[in-house]
Protein backbone atom coordinates (compact mmCIF):
# COMPACT_ATOMS: atom_id res chain seq x y z
CA UNK A 1 21.98 -7.15 -31.39
CA UNK A 2 18.37 -6.31 -30.61
CA UNK A 3 17.23 -6.49 -26.96
CA UNK A 4 13.66 -6.40 -25.62
CA UNK A 5 13.43 -5.04 -22.06
CA UNK A 6 10.26 -5.79 -20.10
CA UNK A 7 9.31 -3.19 -17.49
CA UNK A 8 11.10 -0.55 -19.52
CA UNK A 9 10.63 2.43 -17.20
CA UNK A 10 10.72 0.59 -13.88
CA UNK A 11 13.43 1.00 -11.28
CA UNK A 12 15.71 -1.61 -12.84
CA UNK A 13 14.28 -1.48 -16.36
CA UNK A 14 14.96 2.18 -17.13
CA UNK A 15 18.59 2.00 -16.03
CA UNK A 16 18.97 -1.23 -17.98
CA UNK A 17 17.51 0.43 -21.10
CA UNK A 18 19.91 3.35 -20.70
CA UNK A 19 22.97 1.14 -20.20
CA UNK A 20 22.13 -1.15 -23.12
CA UNK A 21 21.65 1.85 -25.40
CA UNK A 22 24.96 3.38 -24.34
CA UNK A 23 26.65 0.01 -24.91
CA UNK A 24 25.52 0.08 -28.54
CA UNK A 25 22.62 -2.36 -28.46
CA UNK A 26 19.40 -1.78 -30.38
CA UNK A 27 16.85 -1.56 -27.58
CA UNK A 28 13.11 -2.11 -27.63
CA UNK A 29 11.49 -1.26 -24.31
CA UNK A 30 8.06 -2.58 -23.38
CA UNK A 31 5.89 -0.52 -21.03
CA UNK A 32 2.23 -0.11 -20.12
CA UNK A 33 2.38 3.54 -21.19
CA UNK A 34 4.42 4.03 -24.35
CA UNK A 35 4.24 7.83 -24.34
CA UNK A 36 5.58 7.98 -20.77
CA UNK A 37 8.50 5.80 -21.77
CA UNK A 38 9.25 8.01 -24.75
CA UNK A 39 9.29 11.05 -22.47
CA UNK A 40 11.58 9.41 -19.93
CA UNK A 41 14.12 8.06 -22.45
CA UNK A 42 13.40 8.98 -26.07
CA UNK A 43 16.58 7.40 -27.47
CA UNK A 44 15.20 3.87 -27.91
CA UNK A 45 12.11 2.26 -29.40
CA UNK A 46 9.14 1.86 -27.07
CA UNK A 47 6.25 -0.55 -27.50
CA UNK A 48 3.09 -0.59 -25.44
CA UNK A 49 2.05 -3.74 -23.68
CA UNK A 50 0.57 -4.82 -20.36
CA UNK A 51 2.05 -8.05 -19.05
CA UNK A 52 -1.15 -8.70 -17.12
CA UNK A 53 -2.92 -8.97 -20.50
CA UNK A 54 -0.20 -10.76 -22.50
CA UNK A 55 -1.18 -14.24 -21.40
CA UNK A 56 -0.70 -16.45 -24.47
CA UNK A 57 2.19 -17.39 -26.76
CA UNK A 58 0.26 -15.98 -29.73
CA UNK A 59 0.01 -12.57 -28.05
CA UNK A 60 3.76 -12.54 -27.43
CA UNK A 61 4.89 -13.46 -30.95
CA UNK A 62 4.73 -9.92 -32.41
CA UNK A 63 6.88 -8.59 -29.57
CA UNK A 64 9.76 -11.04 -30.10
CA UNK A 65 10.08 -10.74 -33.86
CA UNK A 66 13.73 -9.95 -34.75
CA UNK A 67 14.69 -9.96 -31.04
CA UNK A 68 17.98 -11.58 -29.96
CA UNK A 69 17.63 -11.24 -26.19
CA UNK A 70 14.87 -10.56 -23.66
CA UNK A 71 15.56 -8.94 -20.28
CA UNK A 72 12.72 -9.36 -17.80
CA UNK A 73 13.01 -6.37 -15.46
CA UNK A 74 9.28 -6.21 -14.77
CA UNK A 75 7.99 -6.79 -11.28
CA UNK A 76 4.83 -6.46 -9.20
CA UNK A 77 5.29 -6.55 -5.44
CA UNK A 78 1.73 -7.31 -4.36
CA UNK A 79 -1.84 -7.58 -5.60
CA UNK A 80 -3.81 -4.35 -5.77
CA UNK A 81 -6.03 -2.21 -7.94
CA UNK A 82 -3.54 -2.15 -10.81
CA UNK A 83 -1.33 -5.11 -9.90
CA UNK A 84 -1.49 -8.91 -10.10
CA UNK A 85 1.83 -10.71 -9.44
CA UNK A 86 0.51 -14.08 -10.60
CA UNK A 87 -0.57 -12.67 -13.97
CA UNK A 88 2.45 -10.42 -14.54
CA UNK A 89 5.29 -12.52 -13.15
CA UNK A 90 3.79 -15.97 -13.60
CA UNK A 91 1.25 -16.44 -16.40
CA UNK A 92 2.68 -13.82 -18.75
CA UNK A 93 6.30 -14.91 -18.44
CA UNK A 94 5.38 -18.58 -18.84
CA UNK A 95 3.58 -17.63 -22.07
CA UNK A 96 6.61 -15.63 -23.25
CA UNK A 97 8.93 -18.55 -22.56
CA UNK A 98 6.60 -20.74 -24.59
CA UNK A 99 6.67 -18.22 -27.44
CA UNK A 100 10.48 -18.15 -27.44
CA UNK A 101 10.58 -21.97 -27.48
CA UNK A 102 13.67 -23.38 -29.15
CA UNK A 103 14.67 -20.16 -30.89
CA UNK A 104 18.11 -18.64 -30.30
CA UNK A 105 16.70 -15.82 -28.15
CA UNK A 106 18.49 -15.49 -24.81
CA UNK A 107 16.34 -14.77 -21.75
CA UNK A 108 17.81 -12.82 -18.83
CA UNK A 109 15.48 -13.16 -15.85
CA UNK A 110 15.67 -10.77 -12.87
CA UNK A 111 14.39 -12.85 -9.97
CA UNK A 112 15.10 -12.77 -6.23
CA UNK A 113 17.07 -14.80 -3.66
CA UNK A 114 15.25 -17.56 -1.85
CA UNK A 115 12.15 -17.88 -4.03
CA UNK A 116 10.40 -21.25 -3.93
CA UNK A 117 7.00 -22.83 -4.38
CA UNK A 118 6.20 -22.54 -0.66
CA UNK A 119 7.28 -18.89 -0.33
CA UNK A 120 5.17 -16.83 2.04
CA UNK A 121 4.46 -14.09 -0.52
CA UNK A 122 2.73 -14.06 -3.89
CA UNK A 123 5.65 -12.03 -5.21
CA UNK A 124 8.14 -14.83 -4.50
CA UNK A 125 5.78 -17.61 -5.62
CA UNK A 126 5.14 -15.94 -8.99
CA UNK A 127 8.87 -15.35 -9.46
CA UNK A 128 9.43 -19.03 -8.73
CA UNK A 129 6.93 -20.02 -11.42
CA UNK A 130 8.81 -18.04 -14.07
CA UNK A 131 12.18 -19.35 -12.87
CA UNK A 132 10.92 -22.93 -12.96
CA UNK A 133 9.44 -22.46 -16.43
CA UNK A 134 12.82 -21.26 -17.67
CA UNK A 135 14.78 -24.02 -15.95
CA UNK A 136 12.62 -26.74 -17.50
CA UNK A 137 12.57 -25.19 -20.98
CA UNK A 138 14.94 -25.38 -23.95
CA UNK A 139 15.45 -21.61 -23.82
CA UNK A 140 18.95 -20.13 -23.48
CA UNK A 141 18.56 -18.48 -20.05
CA UNK A 142 20.39 -16.67 -17.26
CA UNK A 143 18.74 -15.99 -13.89
CA UNK A 144 20.06 -13.12 -11.77
CA UNK A 145 18.93 -12.82 -8.14
CA UNK A 146 19.73 -9.36 -6.77
CA UNK A 147 19.68 -8.44 -3.09
CA UNK A 148 17.78 -5.33 -2.04
CA UNK A 149 18.51 -2.85 -4.82
CA UNK A 150 19.62 0.66 -3.92
CA UNK A 151 19.59 3.24 -6.66
CA UNK A 152 19.49 6.92 -7.43
CA UNK A 153 15.94 6.48 -8.68
CA UNK A 154 13.99 5.69 -5.51
CA UNK A 155 11.08 3.28 -5.72
CA UNK A 156 9.98 0.28 -3.68
CA UNK A 157 12.74 -0.84 -1.33
CA UNK A 158 14.96 2.15 -2.15
CA UNK A 159 12.10 4.49 -1.30
CA UNK A 160 11.16 2.67 1.89
CA UNK A 161 14.71 2.77 3.27
CA UNK A 162 14.99 6.50 2.54
CA UNK A 163 11.61 7.18 4.17
CA UNK A 164 12.49 5.28 7.34
CA UNK A 165 15.87 7.00 7.57
CA UNK A 166 14.28 10.44 7.15
CA UNK A 167 12.29 10.43 10.39
CA UNK A 168 13.22 13.62 12.25
CA UNK A 169 14.86 13.10 15.64
CA UNK A 170 13.76 9.49 16.19
CA UNK A 171 14.31 6.22 14.34
CA UNK A 172 11.34 3.83 14.40
CA UNK A 173 11.92 0.40 12.88
CA UNK A 174 10.17 -2.88 12.27
CA UNK A 175 12.31 -6.05 12.21
CA UNK A 176 15.46 -4.10 13.08
CA UNK A 177 17.55 -7.29 13.33
CA UNK A 178 16.56 -8.66 9.91
CA UNK A 179 19.60 -9.61 7.82
CA UNK A 180 19.89 -8.04 4.38
CA UNK A 181 22.43 -7.97 1.58
CA UNK A 182 22.28 -4.86 -0.56
CA UNK A 183 23.27 -4.33 -4.17
CA UNK A 184 23.86 -1.10 -6.06
CA UNK A 185 21.80 -0.76 -9.21
CA UNK A 186 24.96 -0.20 -11.26
CA UNK A 187 26.31 -3.61 -10.17
CA UNK A 188 23.06 -5.28 -11.17
CA UNK A 189 23.00 -3.50 -14.53
CA UNK A 190 26.62 -4.53 -15.16
CA UNK A 191 25.53 -8.12 -14.53
CA UNK A 192 22.66 -7.72 -16.97
CA UNK A 193 24.97 -6.29 -19.64
CA UNK A 194 27.47 -9.11 -19.42
CA UNK A 195 24.63 -11.66 -19.43
CA UNK A 196 23.09 -10.10 -22.55
CA UNK A 197 26.49 -10.14 -24.28
CA UNK A 198 26.59 -13.94 -24.14
CA UNK A 199 29.74 -14.08 -21.99
CA UNK A 200 27.81 -15.78 -19.18
CA UNK A 201 27.13 -19.49 -19.82
CA UNK A 202 23.59 -20.58 -20.52
CA UNK A 203 21.61 -21.91 -17.53
CA UNK A 204 23.52 -19.78 -15.03
CA UNK A 205 21.56 -19.06 -11.85
CA UNK A 206 23.38 -16.67 -9.49
CA UNK A 207 22.89 -14.08 -6.74
CA UNK A 208 24.04 -10.50 -7.22
CA UNK A 209 24.70 -8.76 -3.91
CA UNK A 210 27.38 -7.53 -1.55
CA UNK A 211 29.47 -10.11 0.26
CA UNK A 212 28.22 -9.68 3.82
CA UNK A 213 24.75 -9.21 5.28
CA UNK A 214 23.79 -6.33 7.56
CA UNK A 215 20.96 -5.70 9.96
CA UNK A 216 18.14 -3.44 8.84
CA UNK A 217 19.10 -1.08 11.67
CA UNK A 218 22.65 -0.80 10.34
CA UNK A 219 21.44 -0.16 6.79
CA UNK A 220 18.97 2.53 7.85
CA UNK A 221 21.62 4.19 10.03
CA UNK A 222 24.03 4.22 7.07
CA UNK A 223 21.41 5.81 4.82
CA UNK A 224 20.53 8.36 7.49
CA UNK A 225 24.19 9.37 7.72
CA UNK A 226 24.50 9.40 3.92
CA UNK A 227 21.53 11.77 3.67
CA UNK A 228 23.34 14.15 6.00
CA UNK A 229 20.93 13.83 8.93
CA UNK A 230 22.16 13.73 12.50
CA UNK A 231 21.97 10.36 14.28
CA UNK A 232 18.56 9.65 15.77
CA UNK A 233 18.29 10.66 19.41
CA UNK A 234 16.04 7.69 20.05
CA UNK A 235 15.93 4.37 18.22
CA UNK A 236 13.07 1.99 18.92
CA UNK A 237 11.40 -1.00 17.36
CA UNK A 238 7.67 -0.88 16.85
CA UNK A 239 5.78 -3.81 18.39
CA UNK A 240 4.78 -6.58 16.01
CA UNK A 241 1.12 -5.59 16.29
CA UNK A 242 1.89 -2.01 15.16
CA UNK A 243 3.80 -3.35 12.17
CA UNK A 244 0.90 -5.65 11.34
CA UNK A 245 -1.61 -2.77 11.46
CA UNK A 246 0.58 -0.50 9.31
CA UNK A 247 1.04 -3.23 6.71
CA UNK A 248 -2.68 -4.05 6.59
CA UNK A 249 -3.56 -0.38 6.12
CA UNK A 250 -1.00 -0.20 3.31
CA UNK A 251 -2.49 -3.39 1.80
CA UNK A 252 -5.96 -1.83 1.86
CA UNK A 253 -4.68 1.29 0.17
CA UNK A 254 -3.16 -0.99 -2.48
CA UNK A 255 -6.70 -1.81 -3.63
CA UNK A 256 -7.18 1.94 -4.15
CA UNK A 257 -4.11 1.96 -6.38
CA UNK A 258 -1.45 3.07 -3.86
CA UNK A 259 1.76 1.03 -4.11
CA UNK A 260 3.10 1.68 -0.63
CA UNK A 261 6.53 0.21 0.19
CA UNK A 262 5.10 -0.71 3.62
CA UNK A 263 2.72 -3.40 2.37
CA UNK A 264 2.73 -6.89 3.87
CA UNK A 265 4.89 -8.41 1.14
CA UNK A 266 7.74 -5.93 1.68
CA UNK A 267 7.67 -6.19 5.47
CA UNK A 268 7.45 -9.99 5.35
CA UNK A 269 10.40 -10.24 2.96
CA UNK A 270 12.45 -8.00 5.25
CA UNK A 271 11.45 -10.05 8.29
CA UNK A 272 12.56 -13.27 6.61
CA UNK A 273 15.76 -11.61 5.43
CA UNK A 274 17.30 -11.15 1.99
CA UNK A 275 20.57 -13.06 1.92
CA UNK A 276 22.47 -15.10 -0.65
CA UNK A 277 25.95 -16.25 -1.67
CA UNK A 278 27.46 -13.91 -4.30
CA UNK A 279 30.57 -16.09 -4.67
CA UNK A 280 29.46 -18.07 -7.76
CA UNK A 281 28.78 -14.85 -9.67
CA UNK A 282 32.28 -13.53 -8.98
CA UNK A 283 33.79 -16.84 -10.10
CA UNK A 284 31.78 -16.98 -13.34
CA UNK A 285 31.97 -13.31 -14.35
CA UNK A 286 35.01 -11.89 -12.60
CA UNK A 287 32.72 -9.09 -11.34
CA UNK A 288 32.46 -8.40 -7.62
CA UNK A 289 29.46 -6.27 -6.53
CA UNK A 290 30.45 -3.32 -4.38
CA UNK A 291 29.80 -3.24 -0.67
CA UNK A 292 26.94 -1.02 0.43
CA UNK A 293 29.47 1.34 2.03
CA UNK A 294 31.06 1.79 -1.39
CA UNK A 295 27.71 2.23 -3.14
CA UNK A 296 26.84 5.13 -0.81
CA UNK A 297 30.33 6.61 -1.11
CA UNK A 298 30.08 6.73 -4.90
CA UNK A 299 26.54 8.15 -4.96
CA UNK A 300 26.13 11.70 -3.69
CA UNK A 301 23.20 12.53 -1.45
CA UNK A 302 22.13 15.90 -2.78
CA UNK A 303 19.45 18.29 -1.59
CA UNK A 304 16.97 16.55 -3.89
CA UNK A 305 17.63 13.27 -2.05
CA UNK A 306 16.79 14.89 1.29
CA UNK A 307 13.70 16.54 -0.18
CA UNK A 308 12.52 13.24 -1.61
CA UNK A 309 13.05 11.33 1.63
CA UNK A 310 11.16 13.84 3.77
CA UNK A 311 8.44 14.53 1.20
CA UNK A 312 7.82 10.78 0.86
CA UNK A 313 7.06 10.82 4.58
CA UNK A 314 4.81 13.86 4.22
CA UNK A 315 2.79 12.75 1.19
CA UNK A 316 0.44 10.38 3.10
CA UNK A 317 -0.26 13.20 5.58
CA UNK A 318 -0.94 15.64 2.75
CA UNK A 319 -3.39 13.28 1.05
CA UNK A 320 -5.13 12.37 4.31
CA UNK A 321 -5.42 16.04 5.31
CA UNK A 322 -6.88 17.10 1.98
CA UNK A 323 -9.33 14.20 1.94
CA UNK A 324 -10.50 14.86 5.49
CA UNK A 325 -10.69 18.63 4.96
CA UNK A 326 -12.86 18.42 1.85
CA UNK A 327 -15.08 15.56 3.04
CA UNK A 328 -15.72 17.25 6.40
CA UNK A 329 -16.35 20.61 4.68
CA UNK A 330 -19.07 18.99 2.59
CA UNK A 331 -20.62 17.11 5.51
CA UNK A 332 -20.61 20.19 7.75
CA UNK A 333 -22.18 22.16 4.91
CA UNK A 334 -25.08 19.71 4.75
CA UNK A 335 -25.45 19.60 8.54
CA UNK A 336 -25.50 23.41 8.73
CA UNK A 337 -27.37 23.88 5.47
CA UNK A 338 -29.63 26.71 6.65
CA UNK A 339 -26.72 28.64 8.17
CA UNK A 340 -24.84 28.22 4.89
CA UNK A 341 -27.82 29.66 2.99
CA UNK A 342 -27.85 32.70 5.29
CA UNK A 343 -24.37 33.63 4.01
CA UNK A 344 -26.01 34.26 0.63
CA UNK A 345 -29.03 36.16 2.00
CA UNK A 346 -27.77 39.57 0.91
CA UNK A 347 -26.94 38.42 -2.62
CA UNK A 348 -29.28 38.99 -5.59
CA UNK A 349 -29.45 35.24 -6.32
CA UNK A 350 -32.84 33.50 -6.41
CA UNK A 351 -33.58 31.20 -3.46
CA UNK A 352 -33.49 28.11 -5.64
CA UNK A 353 -30.11 29.10 -7.07
CA UNK A 354 -28.72 29.66 -3.57
CA UNK A 355 -29.81 26.15 -2.65
CA UNK A 356 -28.15 24.74 -5.77
CA UNK A 357 -24.91 26.60 -5.03
CA UNK A 358 -24.68 25.43 -1.42
CA UNK A 359 -25.72 21.82 -2.13
CA UNK A 360 -23.52 21.65 -5.21
CA UNK A 361 -20.53 22.92 -3.27
CA UNK A 362 -21.07 20.31 -0.55
CA UNK A 363 -21.35 17.50 -3.09
CA UNK A 364 -18.21 18.65 -4.90
CA UNK A 365 -16.30 18.90 -1.62
CA UNK A 366 -17.22 15.37 -0.59
CA UNK A 367 -16.64 13.96 -4.07
CA UNK A 368 -13.17 15.48 -4.40
CA UNK A 369 -12.28 14.41 -0.86
CA UNK A 370 -13.12 10.81 -1.75
CA UNK A 371 -11.51 10.95 -5.20
CA UNK A 372 -8.08 11.93 -3.93
CA UNK A 373 -7.70 8.69 -1.96
CA UNK A 374 -8.07 6.65 -5.17
CA UNK A 375 -4.60 6.71 -6.75
CA UNK A 376 -5.58 6.78 -10.46
CA UNK A 377 -7.86 9.76 -9.73
CA UNK A 378 -5.69 11.54 -7.17
CA UNK A 379 -3.96 14.03 -9.46
CA UNK A 380 -7.24 14.93 -11.15
CA UNK A 381 -8.84 15.42 -7.73
CA UNK A 382 -5.95 17.65 -6.63
CA UNK A 383 -6.44 19.95 -9.62
CA UNK A 384 -10.20 19.91 -8.99
CA UNK A 385 -9.67 20.95 -5.36
CA UNK A 386 -7.48 23.87 -6.36
CA UNK A 387 -9.90 25.01 -9.06
CA UNK A 388 -12.84 24.70 -6.69
CA UNK A 389 -11.05 26.88 -4.17
CA UNK A 390 -10.42 29.51 -6.85
CA UNK A 391 -14.11 29.37 -7.85
CA UNK A 392 -15.18 29.81 -4.21
CA UNK A 393 -12.89 32.83 -3.82
CA UNK A 394 -13.91 34.38 -7.14
CA UNK A 395 -17.65 33.90 -6.63
CA UNK A 396 -17.40 34.97 -3.01
CA UNK A 397 -15.51 38.13 -3.94
CA UNK A 398 -18.36 39.10 -6.30
CA UNK A 399 -21.31 37.97 -4.16
CA UNK A 400 -20.11 38.40 -0.57
CA UNK A 401 -16.98 40.61 -0.59
CA UNK A 402 -17.49 41.46 3.10
CA UNK A 403 -16.27 37.95 4.00
CA UNK A 404 -12.73 39.03 3.13
CA UNK A 405 -12.86 41.12 6.32
CA UNK A 406 -14.53 38.45 8.45
CA UNK A 407 -12.71 38.26 11.83
CA UNK A 408 -12.20 34.49 11.40
CA UNK A 409 -10.61 34.96 7.97
CA UNK A 410 -13.18 32.89 6.06
CA UNK A 411 -11.78 33.63 2.61
CA UNK A 412 -8.17 33.94 3.69
CA UNK A 413 -8.26 30.37 4.99
CA UNK A 414 -9.37 29.08 1.59
CA UNK A 415 -6.03 30.12 0.08
CA UNK A 416 -4.03 27.20 1.62
CA UNK A 417 -6.75 24.89 0.26
CA UNK A 418 -5.88 26.23 -3.20
CA UNK A 419 -2.11 25.83 -2.85
CA UNK A 420 -1.77 22.51 -0.94
CA UNK A 421 -3.58 20.48 -3.65
CA UNK A 422 -1.14 21.88 -6.23
CA UNK A 423 1.76 20.65 -4.10
CA UNK A 424 0.07 17.24 -3.87
CA UNK A 425 -0.37 17.24 -7.67
CA UNK A 426 3.39 17.64 -8.11
CA UNK A 427 4.26 15.00 -5.49
CA UNK A 428 1.84 12.52 -7.07
CA UNK A 429 3.68 12.40 -10.39
CA UNK A 430 4.22 8.82 -11.52
CA UNK A 431 7.75 7.49 -11.96
């Protein structure tokens, strides 16, 4: 049996690809970056495709040749520089459903609880469009609606919950009383496997989540304990206005390519709650998703989990610090241009060359400081910052070696500006 998985290296998609392969299926995984998929899991076939650009039935036909089942594990939380929920989760999936038509291909759709036409988020509305297109088609379909997914691979909701739980000493929250039902990724993948196998009747539409809902405060406290951190000395809920400001800042950064888990869509979904009735799924499949207590018990929180949680908190500070440091360095250089030229007075360089060096350095500083806040350019900017620091130190050692002994440590202070960008480069690695 040949299965096409959309969103092949996403949070749900990659684990689905792995499980299907281990279960003996022939897997074709679709991803925007084929080579990245092949690096992450080289045991299956990968095909390159961007759902935002696959908008017609004709464009989908080559992808579904000799395919017996499609699993849609792709998802876009909110519009941004590289994201369009309506195109990815609405237009593209409607076109795919049209391409499948009356063939025997089964379609397993990963949706969400509570989606409807009047949903308050574009994420839910686009999911509804795909669900509705399936429900009104002749396609053999199964719709699975997971609660908030918690997994070993942290992204989106899993990442946000870890970040919030990792605050040292205190526990700030927004919408602490929101009701949520969690689901372990393994339970969701088990549901996908049994749906792909054909054991689940066609036109089944069910929720996959733990039996009881919990407050966001309870969930975060459980994760904090699981990570091995001491209970927060102080727990407090941020005022609604603070939550609004944080979300709007995260939304703005989304248009620079940053997919923050604190964007408006995520916070609005949490505020409205993520709850559903998992009973029908248990009756149909005989599978009962584990409670969140059990999910945490069966998944060890290792040192890498604690590193990830705390470093996820630190990354925005690292990027902001580097951006501010380099932009301000360039601006100050222009403001104090004559003083900067005096540093090169004792060197054998021609006056015009000194001017070029100082002005060029200022321009590079400002340019790199601005580049690093644009997500697609951030890793390149980080390498550029480190290299620029090495160039400054190398050129300075040759031209003005006396600055190594400057009482304010002029050259010594450049060294952190060489190392911190390299740390940012590592932290900025895509999933």
